[in-house]
Protein backbone atom coordinates (compact mmCIF):
# COMPACT_ATOMS: atom_id res chain seq x y z
CA UNK A 1 -16.74 -13.01 0.91
CA UNK A 2 -20.47 -13.29 0.32
CA UNK A 3 -21.29 -9.98 -1.36
CA UNK A 4 -20.41 -7.93 -4.41
CA UNK A 5 -17.67 -5.34 -4.07
CA UNK A 6 -18.56 -1.81 -5.15
CA UNK A 7 -15.66 0.09 -3.53
CA UNK A 8 -12.06 -1.00 -2.81
CA UNK A 9 -9.69 0.94 -0.54
CA UNK A 10 -5.96 0.31 -1.08
CA UNK A 11 -3.09 1.15 1.28
CA UNK A 12 0.36 -0.20 0.44
CA UNK A 13 2.65 -1.26 3.28
CA UNK A 14 1.21 -1.27 6.77
CA UNK A 15 -2.34 -0.06 6.32
CA UNK A 16 -3.86 -1.41 9.51
CA UNK A 17 -3.81 1.99 11.19
CA UNK A 18 -5.90 3.32 8.30
CA UNK A 19 -8.67 0.90 9.25
CA UNK A 20 -9.66 3.26 12.05
CA UNK A 21 -10.56 5.89 9.45
CA UNK A 22 -14.33 5.89 9.80
CA UNK A 23 -15.03 7.43 6.35
CA UNK A 24 -12.88 4.79 4.63
CA UNK A 25 -14.51 1.88 6.43
CA UNK A 26 -17.98 3.33 5.90
CA UNK A 27 -17.47 3.55 2.11
CA UNK A 28 -15.20 0.58 1.29
CA UNK A 29 -16.47 -2.96 0.85
CA UNK A 30 -12.95 -4.36 0.60
CA UNK A 31 -9.68 -3.14 2.13
CA UNK A 32 -6.44 -4.24 0.42
CA UNK A 33 -3.20 -3.64 2.31
CA UNK A 34 0.22 -5.07 2.96
CA UNK A 35 -0.33 -5.87 6.60
CA UNK A 36 -2.62 -5.23 9.54
CA UNK A 37 -2.76 -6.60 13.04
CA UNK A 38 -5.14 -9.39 13.93
CA UNK A 39 -7.28 -7.04 16.03
CA UNK A 40 -7.37 -4.34 13.34
CA UNK A 41 -8.66 -6.94 10.90
CA UNK A 42 -11.24 -8.28 13.37
CA UNK A 43 -12.57 -4.76 13.96
CA UNK A 44 -13.07 -4.07 10.25
CA UNK A 45 -14.51 -7.50 9.46
CA UNK A 46 -17.02 -7.04 12.30
CA UNK A 47 -18.31 -4.00 10.36
CA UNK A 48 -18.92 -6.12 7.25
CA UNK A 49 -15.78 -5.15 5.33
CA UNK A 50 -13.53 -7.78 3.72
CA UNK A 51 -9.75 -7.49 4.29
CA UNK A 52 -6.97 -8.77 2.02
CA UNK A 53 -3.35 -8.59 3.22
CA UNK A 54 -0.63 -9.25 0.65
CA UNK A 55 2.58 -8.71 2.65
CA UNK A 56 4.20 -5.40 3.55
CA UNK A 57 7.08 -5.29 1.05
CA UNK A 58 5.16 -6.97 -1.76
CA UNK A 59 2.41 -4.36 -1.60
CA UNK A 60 4.94 -1.50 -1.88
CA UNK A 61 7.10 -2.73 -4.77
CA UNK A 62 4.75 -1.69 -7.56
CA UNK A 63 4.23 1.74 -6.00
CA UNK A 64 7.96 2.37 -5.66
CA UNK A 65 8.83 1.57 -9.27
CA UNK A 66 5.65 2.68 -11.03
CA UNK A 67 4.72 5.82 -9.08
CA UNK A 68 7.41 7.10 -6.72
CA UNK A 69 10.44 6.74 -9.02
CA UNK A 70 8.85 8.62 -11.97
CA UNK A 71 7.57 11.32 -9.61
CA UNK A 72 11.04 11.78 -8.06
CA UNK A 73 12.64 11.89 -11.52
CA UNK A 74 10.23 14.65 -12.59
CA UNK A 75 10.84 16.55 -9.35
CA UNK A 76 14.63 16.38 -9.76
CA UNK A 77 14.31 17.50 -13.37
CA UNK A 78 12.15 20.48 -12.38
CA UNK A 79 14.36 21.54 -9.46
CA UNK A 80 17.76 21.14 -11.09
CA UNK A 81 19.21 22.71 -14.19
CA UNK A 82 19.73 19.43 -16.01
CA UNK A 83 19.25 16.67 -13.40
CA UNK A 84 21.89 14.60 -15.14
CA UNK A 85 23.91 13.97 -11.98
CA UNK A 86 20.99 12.41 -10.07
CA UNK A 87 20.07 8.77 -10.61
CA UNK A 88 17.04 7.31 -8.86
CA UNK A 89 17.07 3.55 -8.39
CA UNK A 90 14.57 1.14 -6.88
CA UNK A 91 16.25 -1.83 -5.24
CA UNK A 92 15.77 -5.13 -7.04
CA UNK A 93 16.93 -7.07 -3.96
CA UNK A 94 14.11 -6.00 -1.66
CA UNK A 95 12.65 -8.95 0.23
CA UNK A 96 10.41 -9.68 3.18
CA UNK A 97 12.52 -9.53 6.36
CA UNK A 98 11.02 -12.69 7.82
CA UNK A 99 10.17 -16.17 6.71
CA UNK A 100 6.53 -17.16 6.29
CA UNK A 101 5.96 -20.66 7.63
């Protein structure tokens, strides 16, 4: 990367399909995602945007525990009388399905 970054776009999980979003690519200097195909990355890099891929599952873990779980807990609390019978858990055994060699 040879330039300063003014705008970062983030898409957890498989964000490669988001690379075709012209407004996002036009504004972002750096795209951070879990995974994207080789050709999706080549397309974006050819437009002067830097791509960082961190791994599909790894990029989602923080979102699941820090954002989705609290949101679901609030939703359950609002929709139920007491919400005491609903427990929301985020798996601690999540792992990448393949082996990186």
